[in-house]
C-alpha atoms as a PDB file:
ATOM      1  CA  MET A   1     -21.306   5.912 -34.436  1.00  0.00           C
ATOM      2  CA  ALA A   2     -17.636   5.180 -35.096  1.00  0.00           C
ATOM      3  CA  ASN A   3     -15.018   6.443 -32.681  1.00  0.00           C
ATOM      4  CA  PRO A   4     -13.498   9.553 -34.332  1.00  0.00           C
ATOM      5  CA  PHE A   5     -10.796   9.904 -31.691  1.00  0.00           C
ATOM      6  CA  ARG A   6      -8.968   6.605 -32.325  1.00  0.00           C
ATOM      7  CA  ASN A   7      -8.667   5.990 -28.557  1.00  0.00           C
ATOM      8  CA  PHE A   8     -10.270   2.539 -28.681  1.00  0.00           C
ATOM      9  CA  LEU A   9      -8.146  -0.150 -30.317  1.00  0.00           C
ATOM     10  CA  VAL A  10     -10.038  -3.023 -31.873  1.00  0.00           C
ATOM     11  CA  THR A  11      -7.891  -6.045 -31.063  1.00  0.00           C
ATOM     12  CA  GLU A  12      -8.423  -9.703 -30.298  1.00  0.00           C
ATOM     13  CA  ASN A  13     -11.216  -9.896 -27.730  1.00  0.00           C
ATOM     14  CA  PRO A  14     -11.356 -13.461 -26.298  1.00  0.00           C
ATOM     15  CA  PHE A  15     -13.745 -12.485 -23.488  1.00  0.00           C
ATOM     16  CA  LYS A  16     -16.200 -10.764 -25.871  1.00  0.00           C
ATOM     17  CA  LEU A  17     -16.153  -7.477 -23.937  1.00  0.00           C
ATOM     18  CA  ALA A  18     -18.499  -4.850 -25.311  1.00  0.00           C
ATOM     19  CA  PRO A  19     -16.726  -1.714 -26.511  1.00  0.00           C
ATOM     20  CA  PRO A  20     -16.889   1.299 -24.185  1.00  0.00           C
ATOM     21  CA  PRO A  21     -19.754   3.709 -24.880  1.00  0.00           C
ATOM     22  CA  ASP A  22     -19.054   6.635 -27.198  1.00  0.00           C
ATOM     23  CA  TRP A  23     -19.754   9.204 -24.479  1.00  0.00           C
ATOM     24  CA  TRP A  24     -17.069   7.608 -22.280  1.00  0.00           C
ATOM     25  CA  LEU A  25     -14.542   7.555 -25.135  1.00  0.00           C
ATOM     26  CA  THR A  26     -15.331  11.220 -25.784  1.00  0.00           C
ATOM     27  CA  MET A  27     -14.726  12.024 -22.103  1.00  0.00           C
ATOM     28  CA  LEU A  28     -11.449  10.067 -22.251  1.00  0.00           C
ATOM     29  CA  HIS A  29     -10.341  12.049 -25.319  1.00  0.00           C
ATOM     30  CA  ASP A  30     -11.367  15.336 -23.701  1.00  0.00           C
ATOM     31  CA  TYR A  31      -9.404  14.456 -20.580  1.00  0.00           C
ATOM     32  CA  ASP A  32      -6.257  13.313 -22.421  1.00  0.00           C
ATOM     33  CA  ALA A  33      -6.065  12.654 -26.152  1.00  0.00           C
ATOM     34  CA  GLU A  34      -3.047  10.367 -25.665  1.00  0.00           C
ATOM     35  CA  LEU A  35      -4.933   7.736 -23.613  1.00  0.00           C
ATOM     36  CA  VAL A  36      -6.025   4.548 -25.362  1.00  0.00           C
ATOM     37  CA  VAL A  37      -8.248   1.635 -24.275  1.00  0.00           C
ATOM     38  CA  PHE A  38      -8.246  -1.925 -25.613  1.00  0.00           C
ATOM     39  CA  PRO A  39      -9.544  -5.310 -24.376  1.00  0.00           C
ATOM     40  CA  SER A  40      -7.058  -7.547 -22.613  1.00  0.00           C
ATOM     41  CA  ARG A  41      -6.152 -10.913 -24.095  1.00  0.00           C
ATOM     42  CA  VAL A  42      -5.408 -12.385 -20.671  1.00  0.00           C
ATOM     43  CA  ARG A  43      -7.996 -10.983 -18.240  1.00  0.00           C
ATOM     44  CA  MET A  44     -11.633 -10.064 -18.485  1.00  0.00           C
ATOM     45  CA  ALA A  45     -10.783  -6.371 -18.405  1.00  0.00           C
ATOM     46  CA  TYR A  46      -9.758  -3.421 -20.511  1.00  0.00           C
ATOM     47  CA  ILE A  47      -6.267  -1.963 -20.504  1.00  0.00           C
ATOM     48  CA  LEU A  48      -5.764   1.779 -20.287  1.00  0.00           C
ATOM     49  CA  ALA A  49      -2.513   2.900 -21.919  1.00  0.00           C
ATOM     50  CA  ARG A  50      -0.795   6.090 -23.089  1.00  0.00           C
ATOM     51  CA  ARG A  51       0.787   6.660 -26.484  1.00  0.00           C
ATOM     52  CA  ARG A  52       4.597   6.937 -26.502  1.00  0.00           C
ATOM     53  CA  HIS A  53       6.236   9.871 -28.224  1.00  0.00           C
ATOM     54  CA  PHE A  54       9.822  10.010 -27.004  1.00  0.00           C
ATOM     55  CA  SER A  55      10.765   6.330 -26.940  1.00  0.00           C
ATOM     56  CA  ASN A  56      10.292   3.261 -29.064  1.00  0.00           C
ATOM     57  CA  ALA A  57       8.819   0.083 -27.606  1.00  0.00           C
ATOM     58  CA  TYR A  58      10.543  -2.160 -30.143  1.00  0.00           C
ATOM     59  CA  ALA A  59      13.963  -0.707 -29.285  1.00  0.00           C
ATOM     60  CA  GLU A  60      13.326  -1.511 -25.626  1.00  0.00           C
ATOM     61  CA  LEU A  61      12.113  -5.009 -26.490  1.00  0.00           C
ATOM     62  CA  ALA A  62      15.397  -5.684 -28.284  1.00  0.00           C
ATOM     63  CA  THR A  63      17.247  -5.191 -24.978  1.00  0.00           C
ATOM     64  CA  LEU A  64      15.089  -7.690 -23.067  1.00  0.00           C
ATOM     65  CA  ASP A  65      15.811 -11.341 -22.504  1.00  0.00           C
ATOM     66  CA  LYS A  66      14.557 -13.387 -25.475  1.00  0.00           C
ATOM     67  CA  ASN A  67      13.220 -16.150 -23.185  1.00  0.00           C
ATOM     68  CA  LEU A  68      11.063 -13.591 -21.400  1.00  0.00           C
ATOM     69  CA  LEU A  69       9.714 -12.420 -24.746  1.00  0.00           C
ATOM     70  CA  ARG A  70       8.887 -16.010 -25.784  1.00  0.00           C
ATOM     71  CA  GLN A  71       7.068 -16.658 -22.498  1.00  0.00           C
ATOM     72  CA  SER A  72       4.951 -13.513 -22.821  1.00  0.00           C
ATOM     73  CA  ALA A  73       4.157 -13.957 -26.520  1.00  0.00           C
ATOM     74  CA  GLY A  74       0.509 -13.422 -27.391  1.00  0.00           C
ATOM     75  CA  MET A  75      -0.183 -11.435 -24.237  1.00  0.00           C
ATOM     76  CA  ASP A  76      -1.107  -7.793 -23.723  1.00  0.00           C
ATOM     77  CA  GLY A  77       2.501  -6.639 -23.927  1.00  0.00           C
ATOM     78  CA  ASP A  78       2.509  -7.469 -27.625  1.00  0.00           C
ATOM     79  CA  ILE A  79      -0.316  -5.010 -28.247  1.00  0.00           C
ATOM     80  CA  LEU A  80       1.416  -2.365 -26.137  1.00  0.00           C
ATOM     81  CA  ALA A  81       4.635  -2.796 -28.123  1.00  0.00           C
ATOM     82  CA  GLN A  82       2.918  -2.998 -31.515  1.00  0.00           C
ATOM     83  CA  HIS A  83       1.023   0.257 -30.966  1.00  0.00           C
ATOM     84  CA  ASN A  84       3.912   1.934 -29.056  1.00  0.00           C
ATOM     85  CA  LEU A  85       1.915   2.324 -25.817  1.00  0.00           C
ATOM     86  CA  ILE A  86       2.789   2.603 -22.116  1.00  0.00           C
ATOM     87  CA  TYR A  87       0.624   0.654 -19.651  1.00  0.00           C
ATOM     88  CA  VAL A  88      -1.399   2.787 -17.202  1.00  0.00           C
ATOM     89  CA  ARG A  89      -3.789   0.338 -15.523  1.00  0.00           C
ATOM     90  CA  HIS A  90      -6.419  -2.369 -15.962  1.00  0.00           C
ATOM     91  CA  LEU A  91     -10.058  -1.304 -16.025  1.00  0.00           C
ATOM     92  CA  ILE A  92     -12.101  -4.080 -14.453  1.00  0.00           C
ATOM     93  CA  GLY A  93     -15.867  -4.427 -14.427  1.00  0.00           C
ATOM     94  CA  ASP A  94     -17.987  -1.465 -15.410  1.00  0.00           C
ATOM     95  CA  THR A  95     -15.170   1.057 -14.934  1.00  0.00           C
ATOM     96  CA  VAL A  96     -15.434   1.969 -18.611  1.00  0.00           C
ATOM     97  CA  ARG A  97     -19.000   3.056 -18.007  1.00  0.00           C
ATOM     98  CA  ARG A  98     -18.348   5.278 -15.005  1.00  0.00           C
ATOM     99  CA  PRO A  99     -16.682   8.690 -14.952  1.00  0.00           C
ATOM    100  CA  ALA A 100     -14.959   7.887 -11.613  1.00  0.00           C
ATOM    101  CA  ILE A 101     -11.842   6.716 -13.492  1.00  0.00           C
ATOM    102  CA  PHE A 102     -11.181  10.323 -14.487  1.00  0.00           C
ATOM    103  CA  GLN A 103     -10.817  11.341 -10.836  1.00  0.00           C
ATOM    104  CA  TRP A 104      -8.327   8.490 -10.357  1.00  0.00           C
ATOM    105  CA  LEU A 105      -6.404   9.734 -13.403  1.00  0.00           C
ATOM    106  CA  ARG A 106      -6.327  13.287 -11.989  1.00  0.00           C
ATOM    107  CA  ASP A 107      -5.109  12.007  -8.615  1.00  0.00           C
ATOM    108  CA  HIS A 108      -2.322   9.918 -10.168  1.00  0.00           C
ATOM    109  CA  ASP A 109      -1.184  12.271 -12.935  1.00  0.00           C
ATOM    110  CA  ALA A 110       2.287  13.599 -12.108  1.00  0.00           C
ATOM    111  CA  THR A 111       1.980  16.530 -14.513  1.00  0.00           C
ATOM    112  CA  ALA A 112      -1.333  17.663 -13.054  1.00  0.00           C
ATOM    113  CA  ASN A 113       0.138  17.448  -9.536  1.00  0.00           C
ATOM    114  CA  GLY A 114       3.034  19.803 -10.213  1.00  0.00           C
ATOM    115  CA  GLY A 115       5.474  17.607 -12.109  1.00  0.00           C
ATOM    116  CA  GLY A 116       7.657  14.659 -11.235  1.00  0.00           C
ATOM    117  CA  GLU A 117       9.963  16.521  -8.835  1.00  0.00           C
ATOM    118  CA  LYS A 118       7.110  17.940  -6.762  1.00  0.00           C
ATOM    119  CA  VAL A 119       5.357  14.581  -6.601  1.00  0.00           C
ATOM    120  CA  ALA A 120       8.614  12.885  -5.556  1.00  0.00           C
ATOM    121  CA  GLN A 121       9.201  15.557  -2.891  1.00  0.00           C
ATOM    122  CA  ARG A 122       5.639  15.113  -1.605  1.00  0.00           C
ATOM    123  CA  ILE A 123       6.133  11.347  -1.403  1.00  0.00           C
ATOM    124  CA  ASP A 124       9.446  11.849   0.450  1.00  0.00           C
ATOM    125  CA  ASP A 125       7.780  14.243   2.914  1.00  0.00           C
ATOM    126  CA  ILE A 126       4.988  11.756   3.595  1.00  0.00           C
ATOM    127  CA  GLU A 127       7.521   8.957   4.145  1.00  0.00           C
ATOM    128  CA  LEU A 128       9.512  11.153   6.561  1.00  0.00           C
ATOM    129  CA  ASP A 129       6.330  12.005   8.491  1.00  0.00           C
ATOM    130  CA  LEU A 130       5.394   8.316   8.723  1.00  0.00           C
ATOM    131  CA  GLU A 131       8.904   7.440   9.923  1.00  0.00           C
ATOM    132  CA  ALA A 132       8.731  10.209  12.570  1.00  0.00           C
ATOM    133  CA  GLN A 133       5.349   8.882  13.750  1.00  0.00           C
ATOM    134  CA  ARG A 134       6.713   5.317  13.949  1.00  0.00           C
ATOM    135  CA  ARG A 135       9.745   6.520  15.902  1.00  0.00           C
ATOM    136  CA  LYS A 136       7.563   8.553  18.313  1.00  0.00           C
ATOM    137  CA  THR A 137       5.301   5.529  18.866  1.00  0.00           C
ATOM    138  CA  LEU A 138       8.314   3.270  19.458  1.00  0.00           C
ATOM    139  CA  ILE A 139       9.850   5.678  21.980  1.00  0.00           C
ATOM    140  CA  ASP A 140       6.497   6.068  23.736  1.00  0.00           C
ATOM    141  CA  ASN A 141       6.070   2.272  23.946  1.00  0.00           C
ATOM    142  CA  LEU A 142       9.614   1.827  25.246  1.00  0.00           C
ATOM    143  CA  ASP A 143       9.007   4.522  27.869  1.00  0.00           C
ATOM    144  CA  HIS A 144       5.842   2.779  29.105  1.00  0.00           C
ATOM    145  CA  ARG A 145       7.603  -0.585  29.209  1.00  0.00           C
ATOM    146  CA  ALA A 146      10.554   0.861  31.112  1.00  0.00           C
ATOM    147  CA  ARG A 147       8.238   2.459  33.691  1.00  0.00           C
ATOM    148  CA  ASP A 148       6.326  -0.809  34.091  1.00  0.00           C
ATOM    149  CA  ALA A 149       9.579  -2.723  34.484  1.00  0.00           C
ATOM    150  CA  TRP A 150      10.798  -0.256  37.142  1.00  0.00           C
ATOM    151  CA  ARG A 151       7.564  -0.548  39.129  1.00  0.00           C
ATOM    152  CA  SER A 152       7.738  -4.339  38.833  1.00  0.00           C
ATOM    153  CA  TYR A 153      11.350  -4.335  40.042  1.00  0.00           C
ATOM    154  CA  GLN A 154      10.445  -2.138  43.030  1.00  0.00           C
ATOM    155  CA  ALA A 155       7.558  -4.432  43.952  1.00  0.00           C
ATOM    156  CA  ARG A 156       9.708  -7.586  43.675  1.00  0.00           C
ATOM    157  CA  THR A 157      12.489  -6.165  45.818  1.00  0.00           C
ATOM    158  CA  GLY A 158      10.104  -4.966  48.527  1.00  0.00           C
ATOM    159  CA  ARG A 159      10.665  -1.266  47.991  1.00  0.00           C
ATOM    160  CA  ARG A 160       7.085  -0.814  46.982  1.00  0.00           C
ATOM    161  CA  ALA A 161       4.263  -2.494  48.862  1.00  0.00           C
ATOM    162  CA  GLY A 162       1.165  -1.462  46.973  1.00  0.00           C
ATOM    163  CA  PHE A 163       0.184   0.295  43.855  1.00  0.00           C
ATOM    164  CA  ALA A 164      -1.619   3.137  45.617  1.00  0.00           C
ATOM    165  CA  PRO A 165       0.369   5.808  47.470  1.00  0.00           C
ATOM    166  CA  THR A 166      -1.971   5.497  50.497  1.00  0.00           C
ATOM    167  CA  SER A 167      -0.969   1.900  51.125  1.00  0.00           C
ATOM    168  CA  GLY A 168      -0.667   1.387  54.870  1.00  0.00           C
ATOM    169  CA  GLY A 169       2.016  -1.061  55.826  1.00  0.00           C
ATOM    170  CA  ARG A 170       4.748  -2.799  54.006  1.00  0.00           C
ATOM    171  CA  ALA A 171       4.462  -6.355  52.822  1.00  0.00           C
ATOM    172  CA  LYS A 172       6.431  -8.862  54.791  1.00  0.00           C
ATOM    173  CA  GLN A 173       9.684  -9.877  53.140  1.00  0.00           C
ATOM    174  CA  MET A 174       9.819 -13.422  51.872  1.00  0.00           C
ATOM    175  CA  PRO A 175      11.902 -15.651  54.123  1.00  0.00           C
ATOM    176  CA  VAL A 176      15.343 -16.519  52.864  1.00  0.00           C
ATOM    177  CA  GLY A 177      15.121 -20.152  53.931  1.00  0.00           C
ATOM    178  CA  SER A 178      12.620 -22.648  52.669  1.00  0.00           C
ATOM    179  CA  PHE A 179       9.257 -23.282  54.354  1.00  0.00           C
ATOM    180  CA  THR A 180       8.892 -26.089  56.783  1.00  0.00           C
ATOM    181  CA  PRO A 181       5.804 -28.282  56.456  1.00  0.00           C
ATOM    182  CA  SER A 182       4.515 -27.136  59.862  1.00  0.00           C
ATOM    183  CA  GLU A 183       4.628 -23.486  58.826  1.00  0.00           C
ATOM    184  CA  SER A 184       1.619 -22.061  56.969  1.00  0.00           C
ATOM    185  CA  PRO A 185       2.493 -20.762  53.507  1.00  0.00           C
ATOM    186  CA  LEU A 186      -0.016 -17.925  54.023  1.00  0.00           C
ATOM    187  CA  ALA A 187       2.010 -16.505  56.926  1.00  0.00           C
ATOM    188  CA  MET A 188       4.436 -14.776  54.630  1.00  0.00           C
ATOM    189  CA  PHE A 189       1.655 -12.607  53.149  1.00  0.00           C
ATOM    190  CA  ALA A 190       0.388 -11.401  56.520  1.00  0.00           C
ATOM    191  CA  ARG A 191       0.977  -7.793  57.508  1.00  0.00           C
ATOM    192  CA  ASP A 192       2.792  -6.752  60.656  1.00  0.00           C
END
């Protein structure tokens, strides 16, 4: 059966990819009639794209660097420009035979998620929450390090003998002078 929806473009197919099944193309049309699929010239994958209505691909190509256009000649961008399409994503493997792509499209569709402003606000809110979590974690880590440094300082200066509050005596202060060979180095750790 031929595709009545015109959402599969027959283009050069160097990897000999089989066309998507008709039921999948029907589901794609039912989801969004502006989506189009065609085989990639560069990768062993399909490209999912959307038809343009309010801009012209050739007008945008005229503003690009001509060297860039020469380097990308014969690639997928030519098909996108020729058919006035906007790239959405690559479909790799058997994605064109599974309906899971439609859930991805729903999750990433700005219009279905309340419009561009709401999506941008949601992204900003998530970024602010992540920044607040990072800051809280940083402050918490700094607090723990400062407490550890204070306890270490107290132990090194002899103000704190043990780590438990029930520690009996104080550790003997280290002698100011150097040890003599006749003196045992273990004597300085003995308790009074």
